Amino acid sequence: MTKLLTDFKIGDSGVIKSVGGEGRTRKRLFDMGVTPGAQVTLIKKAPLGDPIEVAIRGYELTLRMKEAELVTM
């Protein structure tokens, strides 16, 4: 079942299948370690839902919802 990172609830984990977007946004995500095959766990969400904080590759990363929408699990 295909799921977006934005569909995760706190504590959910998964492996990235693909990263969408193009240009600078896609390159920025790849530079931060958001690549296919990486294990991701949702740690917390801001009170209004944006941004979110995830654990990936041994560190914590904050992503905007527009960026998280590009990550398919």
PDB file of N, CA and C in Angstrom:
ATOM      1  N   MET A   1       0.840  -1.183   0.000  1.00  0.00           N
ATOM      2  CA  MET A   1       0.000   0.000   0.000  1.00  0.00           C
ATOM      3  C   MET A   1       0.887   1.249   0.000  1.00  0.00           C
ATOM      4  N   THR A   2       0.616   2.149  -0.905  1.00  0.00           N
ATOM      5  CA  THR A   2       1.367   3.389  -1.004  1.00  0.00           C
ATOM      6  C   THR A   2       0.819   4.406  -0.017  1.00  0.00           C
ATOM      7  N   LYS A   3       1.734   5.031   0.703  1.00  0.00           N
ATOM      8  CA  LYS A   3       1.366   5.990   1.735  1.00  0.00           C
ATOM      9  C   LYS A   3       2.326   7.168   1.641  1.00  0.00           C
ATOM     10  N   LEU A   4       1.833   8.356   1.884  1.00  0.00           N
ATOM     11  CA  LEU A   4       2.698   9.526   1.917  1.00  0.00           C
ATOM     12  C   LEU A   4       3.195   9.752   3.338  1.00  0.00           C
ATOM     13  N   LEU A   5       4.317  10.411   3.457  1.00  0.00           N
ATOM     14  CA  LEU A   5       4.857  10.730   4.782  1.00  0.00           C
ATOM     15  C   LEU A   5       3.862  11.590   5.561  1.00  0.00           C
ATOM     16  N   THR A   6       3.090  12.399   4.879  1.00  0.00           N
ATOM     17  CA  THR A   6       2.098  13.247   5.540  1.00  0.00           C
ATOM     18  C   THR A   6       0.960  12.447   6.162  1.00  0.00           C
ATOM     19  N   ASP A   7       0.785  11.180   5.765  1.00  0.00           N
ATOM     20  CA  ASP A   7      -0.269  10.319   6.314  1.00  0.00           C
ATOM     21  C   ASP A   7       0.133   9.666   7.632  1.00  0.00           C
ATOM     22  N   PHE A   8       1.409   9.750   7.985  1.00  0.00           N
ATOM     23  CA  PHE A   8       1.907   9.104   9.197  1.00  0.00           C
ATOM     24  C   PHE A   8       1.331   9.747  10.452  1.00  0.00           C
ATOM     25  N   LYS A   9       1.165   8.922  11.476  1.00  0.00           N
ATOM     26  CA  LYS A   9       0.825   9.394  12.810  1.00  0.00           C
ATOM     27  C   LYS A   9       2.113   9.312  13.642  1.00  0.00           C
ATOM     28  N   ILE A  10       2.172  10.023  14.736  1.00  0.00           N
ATOM     29  CA  ILE A  10       3.368  10.025  15.577  1.00  0.00           C
ATOM     30  C   ILE A  10       3.722   8.596  15.977  1.00  0.00           C
ATOM     31  N   GLY A  11       4.977   8.226  15.757  1.00  0.00           N
ATOM     32  CA  GLY A  11       5.460   6.891  16.080  1.00  0.00           C
ATOM     33  C   GLY A  11       5.481   5.944  14.886  1.00  0.00           C
ATOM     34  N   ASP A  12       4.780   6.292  13.800  1.00  0.00           N
ATOM     35  CA  ASP A  12       4.777   5.437  12.603  1.00  0.00           C
ATOM     36  C   ASP A  12       6.148   5.451  11.940  1.00  0.00           C
ATOM     37  N   SER A  13       6.532   4.306  11.389  1.00  0.00           N
ATOM     38  CA  SER A  13       7.799   4.168  10.670  1.00  0.00           C
ATOM     39  C   SER A  13       7.558   3.558   9.310  1.00  0.00           C
ATOM     40  N   GLY A  14       8.501   3.774   8.415  1.00  0.00           N
ATOM     41  CA  GLY A  14       8.417   3.181   7.094  1.00  0.00           C
ATOM     42  C   GLY A  14       9.699   3.407   6.322  1.00  0.00           C
ATOM     43  N   VAL A  15       9.769   2.767   5.173  1.00  0.00           N
ATOM     44  CA  VAL A  15      10.926   2.895   4.290  1.00  0.00           C
ATOM     45  C   VAL A  15      10.501   3.708   3.076  1.00  0.00           C
ATOM     46  N   ILE A  16      11.302   4.679   2.710  1.00  0.00           N
ATOM     47  CA  ILE A  16      10.984   5.543   1.578  1.00  0.00           C
ATOM     48  C   ILE A  16      11.070   4.741   0.282  1.00  0.00           C
ATOM     49  N   LYS A  17      10.012   4.815  -0.521  1.00  0.00           N
ATOM     50  CA  LYS A  17       9.989   4.154  -1.831  1.00  0.00           C
ATOM     51  C   LYS A  17      10.410   5.112  -2.927  1.00  0.00           C
ATOM     52  N   SER A  18       9.928   6.360  -2.859  1.00  0.00           N
ATOM     53  CA  SER A  18      10.301   7.341  -3.875  1.00  0.00           C
ATOM     54  C   SER A  18      10.167   8.752  -3.329  1.00  0.00           C
ATOM     55  N   VAL A  19      10.878   9.663  -3.992  1.00  0.00           N
ATOM     56  CA  VAL A  19      10.837  11.075  -3.634  1.00  0.00           C
ATOM     57  C   VAL A  19      10.473  11.838  -4.897  1.00  0.00           C
ATOM     58  N   GLY A  20       9.372  12.571  -4.838  1.00  0.00           N
ATOM     59  CA  GLY A  20       8.912  13.332  -5.994  1.00  0.00           C
ATOM     60  C   GLY A  20       9.541  14.708  -6.035  1.00  0.00           C
ATOM     61  N   GLY A  21       8.909  15.580  -6.778  1.00  0.00           N
ATOM     62  CA  GLY A  21       9.409  16.943  -6.904  1.00  0.00           C
ATOM     63  C   GLY A  21      10.440  17.031  -8.005  1.00  0.00           C
ATOM     64  N   GLU A  22      10.935  18.230  -8.181  1.00  0.00           N
ATOM     65  CA  GLU A  22      11.951  18.440  -9.204  1.00  0.00           C
ATOM     66  C   GLU A  22      12.834  19.605  -8.822  1.00  0.00           C
ATOM     67  N   GLY A  23      13.942  19.710  -9.492  1.00  0.00           N
ATOM     68  CA  GLY A  23      14.842  20.834  -9.292  1.00  0.00           C
ATOM     69  C   GLY A  23      15.403  20.937  -7.894  1.00  0.00           C
ATOM     70  N   ARG A  24      15.390  22.171  -7.384  1.00  0.00           N
ATOM     71  CA  ARG A  24      15.995  22.473  -6.076  1.00  0.00           C
ATOM     72  C   ARG A  24      15.355  21.709  -4.928  1.00  0.00           C
ATOM     73  N   THR A  25      14.031  21.588  -4.968  1.00  0.00           N
ATOM     74  CA  THR A  25      13.339  20.911  -3.868  1.00  0.00           C
ATOM     75  C   THR A  25      13.779  19.463  -3.764  1.00  0.00           C
ATOM     76  N   ARG A  26      13.794  18.755  -4.880  1.00  0.00           N
ATOM     77  CA  ARG A  26      14.201  17.350  -4.884  1.00  0.00           C
ATOM     78  C   ARG A  26      15.661  17.211  -4.454  1.00  0.00           C
ATOM     79  N   LYS A  27      16.524  18.066  -4.967  1.00  0.00           N
ATOM     80  CA  LYS A  27      17.946  18.018  -4.608  1.00  0.00           C
ATOM     81  C   LYS A  27      18.132  18.288  -3.114  1.00  0.00           C
ATOM     82  N   ARG A  28      17.374  19.253  -2.590  1.00  0.00           N
ATOM     83  CA  ARG A  28      17.474  19.582  -1.161  1.00  0.00           C
ATOM     84  C   ARG A  28      17.079  18.381  -0.301  1.00  0.00           C
ATOM     85  N   LEU A  29      15.990  17.701  -0.665  1.00  0.00           N
ATOM     86  CA  LEU A  29      15.573  16.517   0.082  1.00  0.00           C
ATOM     87  C   LEU A  29      16.650  15.436   0.029  1.00  0.00           C
ATOM     88  N   PHE A  30      17.213  15.204  -1.151  1.00  0.00           N
ATOM     89  CA  PHE A  30      18.266  14.194  -1.292  1.00  0.00           C
ATOM     90  C   PHE A  30      19.489  14.577  -0.463  1.00  0.00           C
ATOM     91  N   ASP A  31      19.857  15.863  -0.475  1.00  0.00           N
ATOM     92  CA  ASP A  31      21.012  16.327   0.300  1.00  0.00           C
ATOM     93  C   ASP A  31      20.808  16.122   1.806  1.00  0.00           C
ATOM     94  N   MET A  32      19.550  16.161   2.259  1.00  0.00           N
ATOM     95  CA  MET A  32      19.243  15.969   3.681  1.00  0.00           C
ATOM     96  C   MET A  32      19.124  14.488   4.040  1.00  0.00           C
ATOM     97  N   GLY A  33      19.305  13.600   3.066  1.00  0.00           N
ATOM     98  CA  GLY A  33      19.246  12.170   3.342  1.00  0.00           C
ATOM     99  C   GLY A  33      17.904  11.529   3.097  1.00  0.00           C
ATOM    100  N   VAL A  34      16.955  12.289   2.549  1.00  0.00           N
ATOM    101  CA  VAL A  34      15.627  11.762   2.244  1.00  0.00           C
ATOM    102  C   VAL A  34      15.716  11.094   0.870  1.00  0.00           C
ATOM    103  N   THR A  35      16.107   9.822   0.886  1.00  0.00           N
ATOM    104  CA  THR A  35      16.322   9.070  -0.350  1.00  0.00           C
ATOM    105  C   THR A  35      15.625   7.716  -0.266  1.00  0.00           C
ATOM    106  N   PRO A  36      15.309   7.128  -1.425  1.00  0.00           N
ATOM    107  CA  PRO A  36      14.692   5.796  -1.409  1.00  0.00           C
ATOM    108  C   PRO A  36      15.544   4.799  -0.625  1.00  0.00           C
ATOM    109  N   GLY A  37      14.866   3.985   0.188  1.00  0.00           N
ATOM    110  CA  GLY A  37      15.543   2.977   0.995  1.00  0.00           C
ATOM    111  C   GLY A  37      15.820   3.414   2.424  1.00  0.00           C
ATOM    112  N   ALA A  38      15.685   4.707   2.701  1.00  0.00           N
ATOM    113  CA  ALA A  38      15.949   5.208   4.061  1.00  0.00           C
ATOM    114  C   ALA A  38      14.754   4.914   4.974  1.00  0.00           C
ATOM    115  N   GLN A  39      15.041   4.533   6.204  1.00  0.00           N
ATOM    116  CA  GLN A  39      14.024   4.289   7.227  1.00  0.00           C
ATOM    117  C   GLN A  39      13.649   5.619   7.871  1.00  0.00           C
ATOM    118  N   VAL A  40      12.351   5.907   7.996  1.00  0.00           N
ATOM    119  CA  VAL A  40      11.869   7.166   8.556  1.00  0.00           C
ATOM    120  C   VAL A  40      10.860   6.884   9.667  1.00  0.00           C
ATOM    121  N   THR A  41      10.953   7.628  10.769  1.00  0.00           N
ATOM    122  CA  THR A  41       9.981   7.553  11.860  1.00  0.00           C
ATOM    123  C   THR A  41       9.489   8.960  12.159  1.00  0.00           C
ATOM    124  N   LEU A  42       8.170   9.131  12.224  1.00  0.00           N
ATOM    125  CA  LEU A  42       7.600  10.429  12.569  1.00  0.00           C
ATOM    126  C   LEU A  42       7.703  10.621  14.075  1.00  0.00           C
ATOM    127  N   ILE A  43       8.390  11.685  14.492  1.00  0.00           N
ATOM    128  CA  ILE A  43       8.612  11.958  15.909  1.00  0.00           C
ATOM    129  C   ILE A  43       7.541  12.892  16.465  1.00  0.00           C
ATOM    130  N   LYS A  44       7.314  14.007  15.779  1.00  0.00           N
ATOM    131  CA  LYS A  44       6.287  14.934  16.262  1.00  0.00           C
ATOM    132  C   LYS A  44       5.810  15.852  15.149  1.00  0.00           C
ATOM    133  N   LYS A  45       4.646  16.454  15.427  1.00  0.00           N
ATOM    134  CA  LYS A  45       4.046  17.423  14.513  1.00  0.00           C
ATOM    135  C   LYS A  45       3.834  18.722  15.284  1.00  0.00           C
ATOM    136  N   ALA A  46       3.955  19.829  14.588  1.00  0.00           N
ATOM    137  CA  ALA A  46       3.658  21.126  15.195  1.00  0.00           C
ATOM    138  C   ALA A  46       2.164  21.182  15.523  1.00  0.00           C
ATOM    139  N   PRO A  47       1.758  22.051  16.441  1.00  0.00           N
ATOM    140  CA  PRO A  47       0.345  22.121  16.840  1.00  0.00           C
ATOM    141  C   PRO A  47      -0.635  22.259  15.669  1.00  0.00           C
ATOM    142  N   LEU A  48      -0.271  22.972  14.638  1.00  0.00           N
ATOM    143  CA  LEU A  48      -1.148  23.130  13.476  1.00  0.00           C
ATOM    144  C   LEU A  48      -0.796  22.135  12.370  1.00  0.00           C
ATOM    145  N   GLY A  49       0.101  21.194  12.663  1.00  0.00           N
ATOM    146  CA  GLY A  49       0.441  20.140  11.710  1.00  0.00           C
ATOM    147  C   GLY A  49       1.610  20.436  10.794  1.00  0.00           C
ATOM    148  N   ASP A  50       2.116  21.642  10.789  1.00  0.00           N
ATOM    149  CA  ASP A  50       3.211  22.005   9.890  1.00  0.00           C
ATOM    150  C   ASP A  50       4.205  22.855  10.656  1.00  0.00           C
ATOM    151  N   PRO A  51       5.455  22.478  10.754  1.00  0.00           N
ATOM    152  CA  PRO A  51       6.151  21.359  10.121  1.00  0.00           C
ATOM    153  C   PRO A  51       6.057  20.071  10.941  1.00  0.00           C
ATOM    154  N   ILE A  52       6.723  19.034  10.405  1.00  0.00           N
ATOM    155  CA  ILE A  52       6.818  17.762  11.111  1.00  0.00           C
ATOM    156  C   ILE A  52       8.284  17.464  11.381  1.00  0.00           C
ATOM    157  N   GLU A  53       8.537  16.623  12.382  1.00  0.00           N
ATOM    158  CA  GLU A  53       9.903  16.219  12.696  1.00  0.00           C
ATOM    159  C   GLU A  53       9.999  14.711  12.546  1.00  0.00           C
ATOM    160  N   VAL A  54      11.016  14.264  11.804  1.00  0.00           N
ATOM    161  CA  VAL A  54      11.218  12.841  11.570  1.00  0.00           C
ATOM    162  C   VAL A  54      12.620  12.438  11.983  1.00  0.00           C
ATOM    163  N   ALA A  55      12.777  11.156  12.293  1.00  0.00           N
ATOM    164  CA  ALA A  55      14.104  10.582  12.537  1.00  0.00           C
ATOM    165  C   ALA A  55      14.472   9.837  11.263  1.00  0.00           C
ATOM    166  N   ILE A  56      15.638  10.154  10.718  1.00  0.00           N
ATOM    167  CA  ILE A  56      16.116   9.528   9.491  1.00  0.00           C
ATOM    168  C   ILE A  56      17.635   9.487   9.521  1.00  0.00           C
ATOM    169  N   ARG A  57      18.199   8.337   9.200  1.00  0.00           N
ATOM    170  CA  ARG A  57      19.657   8.166   9.120  1.00  0.00           C
ATOM    171  C   ARG A  57      20.401   8.612  10.383  1.00  0.00           C
ATOM    172  N   GLY A  58      19.782   8.397  11.563  1.00  0.00           N
ATOM    173  CA  GLY A  58      20.458   8.688  12.819  1.00  0.00           C
ATOM    174  C   GLY A  58      20.359  10.123  13.295  1.00  0.00           C
ATOM    175  N   TYR A  59      19.564  10.949  12.657  1.00  0.00           N
ATOM    176  CA  TYR A  59      19.380  12.316  13.136  1.00  0.00           C
ATOM    177  C   TYR A  59      17.927  12.731  12.993  1.00  0.00           C
ATOM    178  N   GLU A  60      17.577  13.859  13.604  1.00  0.00           N
ATOM    179  CA  GLU A  60      16.213  14.371  13.534  1.00  0.00           C
ATOM    180  C   GLU A  60      16.162  15.494  12.512  1.00  0.00           C
ATOM    181  N   LEU A  61      15.146  15.458  11.676  1.00  0.00           N
ATOM    182  CA  LEU A  61      15.012  16.394  10.570  1.00  0.00           C
ATOM    183  C   LEU A  61      13.620  16.998  10.593  1.00  0.00           C
ATOM    184  N   THR A  62      13.530  18.295  10.408  1.00  0.00           N
ATOM    185  CA  THR A  62      12.243  18.978  10.331  1.00  0.00           C
ATOM    186  C   THR A  62      11.923  19.259   8.876  1.00  0.00           C
ATOM    187  N   LEU A  63      10.722  18.865   8.458  1.00  0.00           N
ATOM    188  CA  LEU A  63      10.274  19.063   7.080  1.00  0.00           C
ATOM    189  C   LEU A  63       8.975  19.852   7.044  1.00  0.00           C
ATOM    190  N   ARG A  64       8.848  20.701   6.054  1.00  0.00           N
ATOM    191  CA  ARG A  64       7.573  21.363   5.807  1.00  0.00           C
ATOM    192  C   ARG A  64       6.623  20.337   5.206  1.00  0.00           C
ATOM    193  N   MET A  65       5.331  20.555   5.366  1.00  0.00           N
ATOM    194  CA  MET A  65       4.342  19.621   4.817  1.00  0.00           C
ATOM    195  C   MET A  65       4.456  19.533   3.305  1.00  0.00           C
ATOM    196  N   LYS A  66       4.765  20.632   2.626  1.00  0.00           N
ATOM    197  CA  LYS A  66       4.919  20.596   1.155  1.00  0.00           C
ATOM    198  C   LYS A  66       6.053  19.668   0.745  1.00  0.00           C
ATOM    199  N   GLU A  67       7.097  19.591   1.560  1.00  0.00           N
ATOM    200  CA  GLU A  67       8.201  18.678   1.283  1.00  0.00           C
ATOM    201  C   GLU A  67       7.795  17.241   1.610  1.00  0.00           C
ATOM    202  N   ALA A  68       7.132  17.052   2.751  1.00  0.00           N
ATOM    203  CA  ALA A  68       6.719  15.719   3.178  1.00  0.00           C
ATOM    204  C   ALA A  68       5.729  15.085   2.196  1.00  0.00           C
ATOM    205  N   GLU A  69       4.934  15.907   1.514  1.00  0.00           N
ATOM    206  CA  GLU A  69       3.977  15.401   0.528  1.00  0.00           C
ATOM    207  C   GLU A  69       4.664  14.748  -0.658  1.00  0.00           C
ATOM    208  N   LEU A  70       5.937  15.020  -0.855  1.00  0.00           N
ATOM    209  CA  LEU A  70       6.685  14.465  -1.983  1.00  0.00           C
ATOM    210  C   LEU A  70       7.287  13.087  -1.673  1.00  0.00           C
ATOM    211  N   VAL A  71       7.221  12.676  -0.401  1.00  0.00           N
ATOM    212  CA  VAL A  71       7.860  11.426   0.035  1.00  0.00           C
ATOM    213  C   VAL A  71       6.830  10.301   0.091  1.00  0.00           C
ATOM    214  N   THR A  72       7.041   9.283  -0.735  1.00  0.00           N
ATOM    215  CA  THR A  72       6.140   8.133  -0.800  1.00  0.00           C
ATOM    216  C   THR A  72       6.766   6.971  -0.065  1.00  0.00           C
ATOM    217  N   MET A  73       5.965   6.336   0.784  1.00  0.00           N
ATOM    218  CA  MET A  73       6.430   5.206   1.586  1.00  0.00           C
ATOM    219  C   MET A  73       5.899   3.905   1.008  1.00  0.00           C
TER     220      MET A  73
END
